[in-house]
Amino acid sequence: MSLAKAPIQAVNSTTNTVDSLLTSYVDGAGLACGVFEYFLHLGEDRPKVLGATHFHEIFENGFLRPRPFLAFGYMEVRIDRDAQDVEDQITYLYKYGNGPDALEEPG
């Protein structure tokens, strides 16, 4: 379902996936927050929503405040700033963690 149709067609028996694909951090973070806030304000009629984003601004600036029916999670990575090659600096651990974000850096 497209993002344009999701708010209209979503009901409490549907599950929606929202992936913020916009490249502008201002537009993308704002749009993602707006969509999540819209669904949260539907109360008992809200659908289940799984959102994925790379916009850390949402969490760093508290754009989405913690509340019931909203949970944050992240995929763990390890960063090695001493690695020679850029492709060796990030290791994806494929492990889910609870909370907005937690980067584990060596040492």
PDB file of N, CA and C in Angstrom:
ATOM      1  N   MET A   1       0.855  -1.168   0.000  1.00  0.00           N
ATOM      2  CA  MET A   1       0.000   0.000   0.000  1.00  0.00           C
ATOM      3  C   MET A   1       0.903   1.234   0.000  1.00  0.00           C
ATOM      4  N   SER A   2       0.589   2.208  -0.795  1.00  0.00           N
ATOM      5  CA  SER A   2       1.400   3.419  -0.861  1.00  0.00           C
ATOM      6  C   SER A   2       1.148   4.280   0.365  1.00  0.00           C
ATOM      7  N   LEU A   3       2.115   5.126   0.678  1.00  0.00           N
ATOM      8  CA  LEU A   3       1.982   6.010   1.832  1.00  0.00           C
ATOM      9  C   LEU A   3       0.799   6.949   1.678  1.00  0.00           C
ATOM     10  N   ALA A   4       0.477   7.314   0.449  1.00  0.00           N
ATOM     11  CA  ALA A   4      -0.668   8.198   0.214  1.00  0.00           C
ATOM     12  C   ALA A   4      -1.987   7.518   0.567  1.00  0.00           C
ATOM     13  N   LYS A   5      -2.086   6.220   0.341  1.00  0.00           N
ATOM     14  CA  LYS A   5      -3.332   5.498   0.610  1.00  0.00           C
ATOM     15  C   LYS A   5      -3.386   4.917   2.016  1.00  0.00           C
ATOM     16  N   ALA A   6      -2.248   4.722   2.650  1.00  0.00           N
ATOM     17  CA  ALA A   6      -2.211   4.054   3.952  1.00  0.00           C
ATOM     18  C   ALA A   6      -3.112   4.696   5.000  1.00  0.00           C
ATOM     19  N   PRO A   7      -3.058   6.021   5.199  1.00  0.00           N
ATOM     20  CA  PRO A   7      -3.924   6.602   6.237  1.00  0.00           C
ATOM     21  C   PRO A   7      -5.410   6.442   5.950  1.00  0.00           C
ATOM     22  N   ILE A   8      -5.787   6.366   4.693  1.00  0.00           N
ATOM     23  CA  ILE A   8      -7.197   6.271   4.320  1.00  0.00           C
ATOM     24  C   ILE A   8      -7.702   4.837   4.465  1.00  0.00           C
ATOM     25  N   GLN A   9      -6.880   3.870   4.061  1.00  0.00           N
ATOM     26  CA  GLN A   9      -7.317   2.484   4.023  1.00  0.00           C
ATOM     27  C   GLN A   9      -6.968   1.695   5.279  1.00  0.00           C
ATOM     28  N   ALA A  10      -6.148   2.249   6.159  1.00  0.00           N
ATOM     29  CA  ALA A  10      -5.723   1.513   7.348  1.00  0.00           C
ATOM     30  C   ALA A  10      -6.842   1.461   8.379  1.00  0.00           C
ATOM     31  N   VAL A  11      -7.048   0.288   8.931  1.00  0.00           N
ATOM     32  CA  VAL A  11      -7.989   0.093  10.029  1.00  0.00           C
ATOM     33  C   VAL A  11      -7.296  -0.759  11.080  1.00  0.00           C
ATOM     34  N   ASN A  12      -7.955  -0.955  12.215  1.00  0.00           N
ATOM     35  CA  ASN A  12      -7.302  -1.668  13.305  1.00  0.00           C
ATOM     36  C   ASN A  12      -7.003  -3.129  12.997  1.00  0.00           C
ATOM     37  N   SER A  13      -7.523  -3.665  11.917  1.00  0.00           N
ATOM     38  CA  SER A  13      -7.231  -5.058  11.560  1.00  0.00           C
ATOM     39  C   SER A  13      -6.135  -5.163  10.496  1.00  0.00           C
ATOM     40  N   THR A  14      -5.527  -4.035  10.119  1.00  0.00           N
ATOM     41  CA  THR A  14      -4.472  -4.069   9.104  1.00  0.00           C
ATOM     42  C   THR A  14      -3.111  -3.852   9.746  1.00  0.00           C
ATOM     43  N   THR A  15      -2.085  -4.303   9.029  1.00  0.00           N
ATOM     44  CA  THR A  15      -0.703  -4.044   9.420  1.00  0.00           C
ATOM     45  C   THR A  15      -0.055  -3.267   8.291  1.00  0.00           C
ATOM     46  N   ASN A  16       0.582  -2.159   8.616  1.00  0.00           N
ATOM     47  CA  ASN A  16       1.220  -1.305   7.620  1.00  0.00           C
ATOM     48  C   ASN A  16       2.717  -1.259   7.868  1.00  0.00           C
ATOM     49  N   THR A  17       3.468  -1.199   6.806  1.00  0.00           N
ATOM     50  CA  THR A  17       4.915  -1.034   6.894  1.00  0.00           C
ATOM     51  C   THR A  17       5.266   0.323   6.319  1.00  0.00           C
ATOM     52  N   VAL A  18       6.005   1.116   7.089  1.00  0.00           N
ATOM     53  CA  VAL A  18       6.419   2.440   6.649  1.00  0.00           C
ATOM     54  C   VAL A  18       7.937   2.469   6.640  1.00  0.00           C
ATOM     55  N   ASP A  19       8.500   2.699   5.471  1.00  0.00           N
ATOM     56  CA  ASP A  19       9.953   2.796   5.314  1.00  0.00           C
ATOM     57  C   ASP A  19      10.244   4.187   4.788  1.00  0.00           C
ATOM     58  N   SER A  20      10.942   4.983   5.560  1.00  0.00           N
ATOM     59  CA  SER A  20      11.204   6.370   5.149  1.00  0.00           C
ATOM     60  C   SER A  20      12.320   6.395   4.113  1.00  0.00           C
ATOM     61  N   LEU A  21      11.941   6.561   2.871  1.00  0.00           N
ATOM     62  CA  LEU A  21      12.882   6.483   1.763  1.00  0.00           C
ATOM     63  C   LEU A  21      13.354   7.845   1.276  1.00  0.00           C
ATOM     64  N   LEU A  22      12.771   8.909   1.775  1.00  0.00           N
ATOM     65  CA  LEU A  22      13.166  10.229   1.299  1.00  0.00           C
ATOM     66  C   LEU A  22      14.598  10.522   1.700  1.00  0.00           C
ATOM     67  N   THR A  23      15.319  11.253   0.867  1.00  0.00           N
ATOM     68  CA  THR A  23      16.724  11.513   1.150  1.00  0.00           C
ATOM     69  C   THR A  23      16.941  12.740   2.018  1.00  0.00           C
ATOM     70  N   SER A  24      16.071  13.721   1.955  1.00  0.00           N
ATOM     71  CA  SER A  24      16.219  14.917   2.768  1.00  0.00           C
ATOM     72  C   SER A  24      15.859  14.588   4.209  1.00  0.00           C
ATOM     73  N   TYR A  25      16.798  14.818   5.148  1.00  0.00           N
ATOM     74  CA  TYR A  25      16.507  14.467   6.532  1.00  0.00           C
ATOM     75  C   TYR A  25      15.380  15.311   7.109  1.00  0.00           C
ATOM     76  N   VAL A  26      15.232  16.541   6.657  1.00  0.00           N
ATOM     77  CA  VAL A  26      14.147  17.389   7.155  1.00  0.00           C
ATOM     78  C   VAL A  26      12.808  16.858   6.670  1.00  0.00           C
ATOM     79  N   ASP A  27      12.682  16.633   5.360  1.00  0.00           N
ATOM     80  CA  ASP A  27      11.426  16.131   4.806  1.00  0.00           C
ATOM     81  C   ASP A  27      11.132  14.723   5.290  1.00  0.00           C
ATOM     82  N   GLY A  28      12.127  13.865   5.238  1.00  0.00           N
ATOM     83  CA  GLY A  28      11.914  12.467   5.600  1.00  0.00           C
ATOM     84  C   GLY A  28      11.565  12.280   7.059  1.00  0.00           C
ATOM     85  N   ALA A  29      12.295  12.938   7.954  1.00  0.00           N
ATOM     86  CA  ALA A  29      12.017  12.825   9.386  1.00  0.00           C
ATOM     87  C   ALA A  29      10.641  13.399   9.701  1.00  0.00           C
ATOM     88  N   GLY A  30      10.317  14.533   9.100  1.00  0.00           N
ATOM     89  CA  GLY A  30       9.015  15.148   9.339  1.00  0.00           C
ATOM     90  C   GLY A  30       7.869  14.291   8.836  1.00  0.00           C
ATOM     91  N   LEU A  31       8.033  13.739   7.643  1.00  0.00           N
ATOM     92  CA  LEU A  31       6.991  12.888   7.078  1.00  0.00           C
ATOM     93  C   LEU A  31       6.807  11.624   7.918  1.00  0.00           C
ATOM     94  N   ALA A  32       7.912  10.990   8.287  1.00  0.00           N
ATOM     95  CA  ALA A  32       7.825   9.775   9.103  1.00  0.00           C
ATOM     96  C   ALA A  32       7.114  10.068  10.423  1.00  0.00           C
ATOM     97  N   CYS A  33       7.505  11.131  11.114  1.00  0.00           N
ATOM     98  CA  CYS A  33       6.865  11.484  12.389  1.00  0.00           C
ATOM     99  C   CYS A  33       5.379  11.793  12.197  1.00  0.00           C
ATOM    100  N   GLY A  34       5.065  12.512  11.136  1.00  0.00           N
ATOM    101  CA  GLY A  34       3.672  12.845  10.876  1.00  0.00           C
ATOM    102  C   GLY A  34       2.814  11.610  10.656  1.00  0.00           C
ATOM    103  N   VAL A  35       3.335  10.654   9.903  1.00  0.00           N
ATOM    104  CA  VAL A  35       2.586   9.411   9.641  1.00  0.00           C
ATOM    105  C   VAL A  35       2.406   8.620  10.928  1.00  0.00           C
ATOM    106  N   PHE A  36       3.482   8.482  11.717  1.00  0.00           N
ATOM    107  CA  PHE A  36       3.372   7.725  12.968  1.00  0.00           C
ATOM    108  C   PHE A  36       2.414   8.419  13.943  1.00  0.00           C
ATOM    109  N   GLU A  37       2.499   9.751  14.048  1.00  0.00           N
ATOM    110  CA  GLU A  37       1.591  10.494  14.935  1.00  0.00           C
ATOM    111  C   GLU A  37       0.138  10.323  14.488  1.00  0.00           C
ATOM    112  N   TYR A  38      -0.095  10.356  13.191  1.00  0.00           N
ATOM    113  CA  TYR A  38      -1.460  10.178  12.678  1.00  0.00           C
ATOM    114  C   TYR A  38      -2.017   8.831  13.135  1.00  0.00           C
ATOM    115  N   PHE A  39      -1.252   7.766  12.908  1.00  0.00           N
ATOM    116  CA  PHE A  39      -1.727   6.438  13.290  1.00  0.00           C
ATOM    117  C   PHE A  39      -1.918   6.327  14.802  1.00  0.00           C
ATOM    118  N   LEU A  40      -1.006   6.894  15.580  1.00  0.00           N
ATOM    119  CA  LEU A  40      -1.122   6.823  17.037  1.00  0.00           C
ATOM    120  C   LEU A  40      -2.375   7.537  17.543  1.00  0.00           C
ATOM    121  N   HIS A  41      -2.758   8.611  16.893  1.00  0.00           N
ATOM    122  CA  HIS A  41      -3.926   9.366  17.331  1.00  0.00           C
ATOM    123  C   HIS A  41      -5.253   8.715  16.930  1.00  0.00           C
ATOM    124  N   LEU A  42      -5.212   7.617  16.216  1.00  0.00           N
ATOM    125  CA  LEU A  42      -6.450   6.925  15.856  1.00  0.00           C
ATOM    126  C   LEU A  42      -7.027   6.137  17.029  1.00  0.00           C
ATOM    127  N   GLY A  43      -6.280   6.045  18.114  1.00  0.00           N
ATOM    128  CA  GLY A  43      -6.777   5.347  19.304  1.00  0.00           C
ATOM    129  C   GLY A  43      -7.046   3.878  19.024  1.00  0.00           C
ATOM    130  N   GLU A  44      -8.207   3.420  19.442  1.00  0.00           N
ATOM    131  CA  GLU A  44      -8.568   2.005  19.280  1.00  0.00           C
ATOM    132  C   GLU A  44      -8.675   1.583  17.819  1.00  0.00           C
ATOM    133  N   ASP A  45      -8.829   2.532  16.912  1.00  0.00           N
ATOM    134  CA  ASP A  45      -8.955   2.226  15.490  1.00  0.00           C
ATOM    135  C   ASP A  45      -7.603   2.178  14.767  1.00  0.00           C
ATOM    136  N   ARG A  46      -6.509   2.372  15.509  1.00  0.00           N
ATOM    137  CA  ARG A  46      -5.196   2.421  14.856  1.00  0.00           C
ATOM    138  C   ARG A  46      -4.784   1.032  14.349  1.00  0.00           C
ATOM    139  N   PRO A  47      -4.100   1.016  13.204  1.00  0.00           N
ATOM    140  CA  PRO A  47      -3.573  -0.258  12.693  1.00  0.00           C
ATOM    141  C   PRO A  47      -2.239  -0.566  13.365  1.00  0.00           C
ATOM    142  N   LYS A  48      -1.765  -1.757  13.147  1.00  0.00           N
ATOM    143  CA  LYS A  48      -0.389  -2.077  13.545  1.00  0.00           C
ATOM    144  C   LYS A  48       0.529  -1.495  12.477  1.00  0.00           C
ATOM    145  N   VAL A  49       1.604  -0.860  12.909  1.00  0.00           N
ATOM    146  CA  VAL A  49       2.534  -0.230  11.974  1.00  0.00           C
ATOM    147  C   VAL A  49       3.956  -0.624  12.350  1.00  0.00           C
ATOM    148  N   LEU A  50       4.697  -1.076  11.365  1.00  0.00           N
ATOM    149  CA  LEU A  50       6.123  -1.346  11.531  1.00  0.00           C
ATOM    150  C   LEU A  50       6.842  -0.303  10.705  1.00  0.00           C
ATOM    151  N   GLY A  51       7.597   0.553  11.357  1.00  0.00           N
ATOM    152  CA  GLY A  51       8.297   1.624  10.662  1.00  0.00           C
ATOM    153  C   GLY A  51       9.793   1.412  10.704  1.00  0.00           C
ATOM    154  N   ALA A  52      10.460   1.708   9.607  1.00  0.00           N
ATOM    155  CA  ALA A  52      11.917   1.624   9.530  1.00  0.00           C
ATOM    156  C   ALA A  52      12.446   2.954   9.032  1.00  0.00           C
ATOM    157  N   THR A  53      13.490   3.454   9.685  1.00  0.00           N
ATOM    158  CA  THR A  53      14.040   4.734   9.276  1.00  0.00           C
ATOM    159  C   THR A  53      15.532   4.815   9.591  1.00  0.00           C
ATOM    160  N   HIS A  54      16.215   5.646   8.859  1.00  0.00           N
ATOM    161  CA  HIS A  54      17.617   5.946   9.168  1.00  0.00           C
ATOM    162  C   HIS A  54      17.735   7.372   9.695  1.00  0.00           C
ATOM    163  N   PHE A  55      16.622   8.007   9.990  1.00  0.00           N
ATOM    164  CA  PHE A  55      16.609   9.381  10.474  1.00  0.00           C
ATOM    165  C   PHE A  55      16.771   9.407  11.993  1.00  0.00           C
ATOM    166  N   HIS A  56      18.011   9.444  12.450  1.00  0.00           N
ATOM    167  CA  HIS A  56      18.292   9.468  13.888  1.00  0.00           C
ATOM    168  C   HIS A  56      17.781  10.746  14.545  1.00  0.00           C
ATOM    169  N   GLU A  57      17.549  11.791  13.743  1.00  0.00           N
ATOM    170  CA  GLU A  57      17.038  13.056  14.285  1.00  0.00           C
ATOM    171  C   GLU A  57      15.723  12.855  15.040  1.00  0.00           C
ATOM    172  N   ILE A  58      14.943  11.901  14.600  1.00  0.00           N
ATOM    173  CA  ILE A  58      13.660  11.630  15.243  1.00  0.00           C
ATOM    174  C   ILE A  58      13.865  11.304  16.712  1.00  0.00           C
ATOM    175  N   PHE A  59      14.895  10.519  17.009  1.00  0.00           N
ATOM    176  CA  PHE A  59      15.139  10.064  18.376  1.00  0.00           C
ATOM    177  C   PHE A  59      16.020  11.043  19.144  1.00  0.00           C
ATOM    178  N   GLU A  60      17.033  11.567  18.469  1.00  0.00           N
ATOM    179  CA  GLU A  60      17.954  12.496  19.123  1.00  0.00           C
ATOM    180  C   GLU A  60      17.256  13.768  19.576  1.00  0.00           C
ATOM    181  N   ASN A  61      16.252  14.212  18.832  1.00  0.00           N
ATOM    182  CA  ASN A  61      15.539  15.439  19.162  1.00  0.00           C
ATOM    183  C   ASN A  61      14.191  15.191  19.838  1.00  0.00           C
ATOM    184  N   GLY A  62      13.870  13.943  20.089  1.00  0.00           N
ATOM    185  CA  GLY A  62      12.624  13.624  20.786  1.00  0.00           C
ATOM    186  C   GLY A  62      11.362  13.964  20.019  1.00  0.00           C
ATOM    187  N   PHE A  63      11.414  13.838  18.681  1.00  0.00           N
ATOM    188  CA  PHE A  63      10.238  14.162  17.873  1.00  0.00           C
ATOM    189  C   PHE A  63       9.077  13.211  18.124  1.00  0.00           C
ATOM    190  N   LEU A  64       9.364  11.970  18.473  1.00  0.00           N
ATOM    191  CA  LEU A  64       8.318  11.016  18.856  1.00  0.00           C
ATOM    192  C   LEU A  64       8.515  10.701  20.331  1.00  0.00           C
ATOM    193  N   ARG A  65       7.619  11.188  21.159  1.00  0.00           N
ATOM    194  CA  ARG A  65       7.770  10.975  22.594  1.00  0.00           C
ATOM    195  C   ARG A  65       7.268   9.579  22.975  1.00  0.00           C
ATOM    196  N   PRO A  66       7.912   8.957  23.965  1.00  0.00           N
ATOM    197  CA  PRO A  66       7.459   7.622  24.406  1.00  0.00           C
ATOM    198  C   PRO A  66       6.031   7.690  24.931  1.00  0.00           C
ATOM    199  N   ARG A  67       5.278   6.656  24.654  1.00  0.00           N
ATOM    200  CA  ARG A  67       3.896   6.550  25.120  1.00  0.00           C
ATOM    201  C   ARG A  67       3.424   5.121  24.915  1.00  0.00           C
ATOM    202  N   PRO A  68       2.273   4.768  25.490  1.00  0.00           N
ATOM    203  CA  PRO A  68       1.748   3.419  25.248  1.00  0.00           C
ATOM    204  C   PRO A  68       1.516   3.195  23.751  1.00  0.00           C
ATOM    205  N   PHE A  69       1.668   2.000  23.316  1.00  0.00           N
ATOM    206  CA  PHE A  69       1.443   1.579  21.937  1.00  0.00           C
ATOM    207  C   PHE A  69       2.512   2.087  20.976  1.00  0.00           C
ATOM    208  N   LEU A  70       3.644   2.579  21.494  1.00  0.00           N
ATOM    209  CA  LEU A  70       4.764   2.985  20.655  1.00  0.00           C
ATOM    210  C   LEU A  70       6.029   2.390  21.257  1.00  0.00           C
ATOM    211  N   ALA A  71       6.716   1.579  20.482  1.00  0.00           N
ATOM    212  CA  ALA A  71       7.953   0.960  20.944  1.00  0.00           C
ATOM    213  C   ALA A  71       9.034   1.192  19.902  1.00  0.00           C
ATOM    214  N   PHE A  72      10.260   1.328  20.366  1.00  0.00           N
ATOM    215  CA  PHE A  72      11.390   1.535  19.479  1.00  0.00           C
ATOM    216  C   PHE A  72      12.312   0.324  19.528  1.00  0.00           C
ATOM    217  N   GLY A  73      12.947   0.056  18.410  1.00  0.00           N
ATOM    218  CA  GLY A  73      13.936  -1.013  18.337  1.00  0.00           C
ATOM    219  C   GLY A  73      14.990  -0.644  17.317  1.00  0.00           C
ATOM    220  N   TYR A  74      16.067  -1.371  17.296  1.00  0.00           N
ATOM    221  CA  TYR A  74      17.161  -1.085  16.369  1.00  0.00           C
ATOM    222  C   TYR A  74      17.892  -2.382  16.038  1.00  0.00           C
ATOM    223  N   MET A  75      18.621  -2.355  14.964  1.00  0.00           N
ATOM    224  CA  MET A  75      19.491  -3.467  14.603  1.00  0.00           C
ATOM    225  C   MET A  75      20.907  -3.078  15.005  1.00  0.00           C
ATOM    226  N   GLU A  76      21.576  -3.948  15.751  1.00  0.00           N
ATOM    227  CA  GLU A  76      22.898  -3.634  16.286  1.00  0.00           C
ATOM    228  C   GLU A  76      23.974  -3.659  15.202  1.00  0.00           C
ATOM    229  N   VAL A  77      24.914  -2.733  15.332  1.00  0.00           N
ATOM    230  CA  VAL A  77      26.095  -2.684  14.474  1.00  0.00           C
ATOM    231  C   VAL A  77      27.314  -2.442  15.352  1.00  0.00           C
ATOM    232  N   ARG A  78      28.455  -2.842  14.852  1.00  0.00           N
ATOM    233  CA  ARG A  78      29.727  -2.541  15.514  1.00  0.00           C
ATOM    234  C   ARG A  78      30.514  -1.640  14.580  1.00  0.00           C
ATOM    235  N   ILE A  79      31.080  -0.564  15.123  1.00  0.00           N
ATOM    236  CA  ILE A  79      31.844   0.382  14.322  1.00  0.00           C
ATOM    237  C   ILE A  79      33.311   0.290  14.696  1.00  0.00           C
ATOM    238  N   ASP A  80      34.140   0.136  13.688  1.00  0.00           N
ATOM    239  CA  ASP A  80      35.588   0.104  13.883  1.00  0.00           C
ATOM    240  C   ASP A  80      36.188   1.283  13.134  1.00  0.00           C
ATOM    241  N   ARG A  81      36.409   2.365  13.845  1.00  0.00           N
ATOM    242  CA  ARG A  81      36.918   3.584  13.215  1.00  0.00           C
ATOM    243  C   ARG A  81      38.379   3.449  12.779  1.00  0.00           C
ATOM    244  N   ASP A  82      39.057   2.423  13.259  1.00  0.00           N
ATOM    245  CA  ASP A  82      40.461   2.211  12.882  1.00  0.00           C
ATOM    246  C   ASP A  82      40.620   1.384  11.614  1.00  0.00           C
ATOM    247  N   ALA A  83      39.528   0.849  11.096  1.00  0.00           N
ATOM    248  CA  ALA A  83      39.607   0.021   9.886  1.00  0.00           C
ATOM    249  C   ALA A  83      40.092   0.876   8.709  1.00  0.00           C
ATOM    250  N   GLN A  84      40.956   0.307   7.899  1.00  0.00           N
ATOM    251  CA  GLN A  84      41.523   1.012   6.752  1.00  0.00           C
ATOM    252  C   GLN A  84      40.471   1.290   5.678  1.00  0.00           C
ATOM    253  N   ASP A  85      39.700   0.287   5.333  1.00  0.00           N
ATOM    254  CA  ASP A  85      38.710   0.407   4.265  1.00  0.00           C
ATOM    255  C   ASP A  85      37.339   0.762   4.837  1.00  0.00           C
ATOM    256  N   VAL A  86      36.647   1.643   4.145  1.00  0.00           N
ATOM    257  CA  VAL A  86      35.328   2.092   4.592  1.00  0.00           C
ATOM    258  C   VAL A  86      34.386   0.902   4.776  1.00  0.00           C
ATOM    259  N   GLU A  87      34.415  -0.048   3.853  1.00  0.00           N
ATOM    260  CA  GLU A  87      33.491  -1.183   3.945  1.00  0.00           C
ATOM    261  C   GLU A  87      33.777  -2.081   5.142  1.00  0.00           C
ATOM    262  N   ASP A  88      34.928  -1.920   5.789  1.00  0.00           N
ATOM    263  CA  ASP A  88      35.262  -2.700   6.984  1.00  0.00           C
ATOM    264  C   ASP A  88      34.959  -1.951   8.280  1.00  0.00           C
ATOM    265  N   GLN A  89      34.486  -0.720   8.196  1.00  0.00           N
ATOM    266  CA  GLN A  89      34.247   0.077   9.392  1.00  0.00           C
ATOM    267  C   GLN A  89      32.961  -0.309  10.116  1.00  0.00           C
ATOM    268  N   ILE A  90      31.974  -0.803   9.394  1.00  0.00           N
ATOM    269  CA  ILE A  90      30.699  -1.180  10.018  1.00  0.00           C
ATOM    270  C   ILE A  90      30.483  -2.672   9.847  1.00  0.00           C
ATOM    271  N   THR A  91      30.190  -3.341  10.957  1.00  0.00           N
ATOM    272  CA  THR A  91      29.828  -4.750  10.939  1.00  0.00           C
ATOM    273  C   THR A  91      28.389  -4.867  11.406  1.00  0.00           C
ATOM    274  N   TYR A  92      27.536  -5.397  10.550  1.00  0.00           N
ATOM    275  CA  TYR A  92      26.128  -5.585  10.895  1.00  0.00           C
ATOM    276  C   TYR A  92      26.000  -6.865  11.703  1.00  0.00           C
ATOM    277  N   LEU A  93      25.474  -6.754  12.913  1.00  0.00           N
ATOM    278  CA  LEU A  93      25.399  -7.898  13.822  1.00  0.00           C
ATOM    279  C   LEU A  93      24.100  -8.682  13.687  1.00  0.00           C
ATOM    280  N   TYR A  94      23.130  -8.157  12.950  1.00  0.00           N
ATOM    281  CA  TYR A  94      21.836  -8.827  12.717  1.00  0.00           C
ATOM    282  C   TYR A  94      21.199  -9.254  14.034  1.00  0.00           C
ATOM    283  N   LYS A  95      21.266  -8.359  15.011  1.00  0.00           N
ATOM    284  CA  LYS A  95      20.685  -8.609  16.325  1.00  0.00           C
ATOM    285  C   LYS A  95      19.770  -7.442  16.667  1.00  0.00           C
ATOM    286  N   TYR A  96      18.542  -7.761  17.034  1.00  0.00           N
ATOM    287  CA  TYR A  96      17.556  -6.738  17.380  1.00  0.00           C
ATOM    288  C   TYR A  96      17.748  -6.305  18.824  1.00  0.00           C
ATOM    289  N   GLY A  97      17.647  -5.016  19.065  1.00  0.00           N
ATOM    290  CA  GLY A  97      17.716  -4.484  20.431  1.00  0.00           C
ATOM    291  C   GLY A  97      16.533  -3.578  20.698  1.00  0.00           C
ATOM    292  N   ASN A  98      16.137  -3.480  21.952  1.00  0.00           N
ATOM    293  CA  ASN A  98      15.027  -2.610  22.343  1.00  0.00           C
ATOM    294  C   ASN A  98      15.546  -1.208  22.623  1.00  0.00           C
ATOM    295  N   GLY A  99      14.760  -0.212  22.269  1.00  0.00           N
ATOM    296  CA  GLY A  99      15.134   1.173  22.500  1.00  0.00           C
ATOM    297  C   GLY A  99      15.360   1.876  21.178  1.00  0.00           C
ATOM    298  N   PRO A 100      15.591   3.190  21.225  1.00  0.00           N
ATOM    299  CA  PRO A 100      15.754   3.931  19.988  1.00  0.00           C
ATOM    300  C   PRO A 100      17.055   3.629  19.261  1.00  0.00           C
ATOM    301  N   ASP A 101      18.167   3.435  19.970  1.00  0.00           N
ATOM    302  CA  ASP A 101      19.442   3.209  19.303  1.00  0.00           C
ATOM    303  C   ASP A 101      20.513   2.965  20.344  1.00  0.00           C
ATOM    304  N   ALA A 102      21.493   2.169  19.990  1.00  0.00           N
ATOM    305  CA  ALA A 102      22.655   1.963  20.859  1.00  0.00           C
ATOM    306  C   ALA A 102      23.784   1.435  20.000  1.00  0.00           C
ATOM    307  N   LEU A 103      24.712   2.301  19.650  1.00  0.00           N
ATOM    308  CA  LEU A 103      25.877   1.871  18.881  1.00  0.00           C
ATOM    309  C   LEU A 103      26.935   1.348  19.830  1.00  0.00           C
ATOM    310  N   GLU A 104      27.410   0.175  19.570  1.00  0.00           N
ATOM    311  CA  GLU A 104      28.495  -0.393  20.356  1.00  0.00           C
ATOM    312  C   GLU A 104      29.788  -0.213  19.598  1.00  0.00           C
ATOM    313  N   GLU A 105      30.690   0.543  20.181  1.00  0.00           N
ATOM    314  CA  GLU A 105      31.992   0.746  19.543  1.00  0.00           C
ATOM    315  C   GLU A 105      33.048   0.005  20.340  1.00  0.00           C
ATOM    316  N   PRO A 106      34.025  -0.580  19.658  1.00  0.00           N
ATOM    317  CA  PRO A 106      35.061  -1.331  20.377  1.00  0.00           C
ATOM    318  C   PRO A 106      35.883  -0.426  21.280  1.00  0.00           C
ATOM    319  N   GLY A 107      36.308  -1.014  22.398  1.00  0.00           N
ATOM    320  CA  GLY A 107      37.255  -0.403  23.302  1.00  0.00           C
ATOM    321  C   GLY A 107      36.860   0.841  23.929  1.00  0.00           C
TER     322      GLY A 107
END
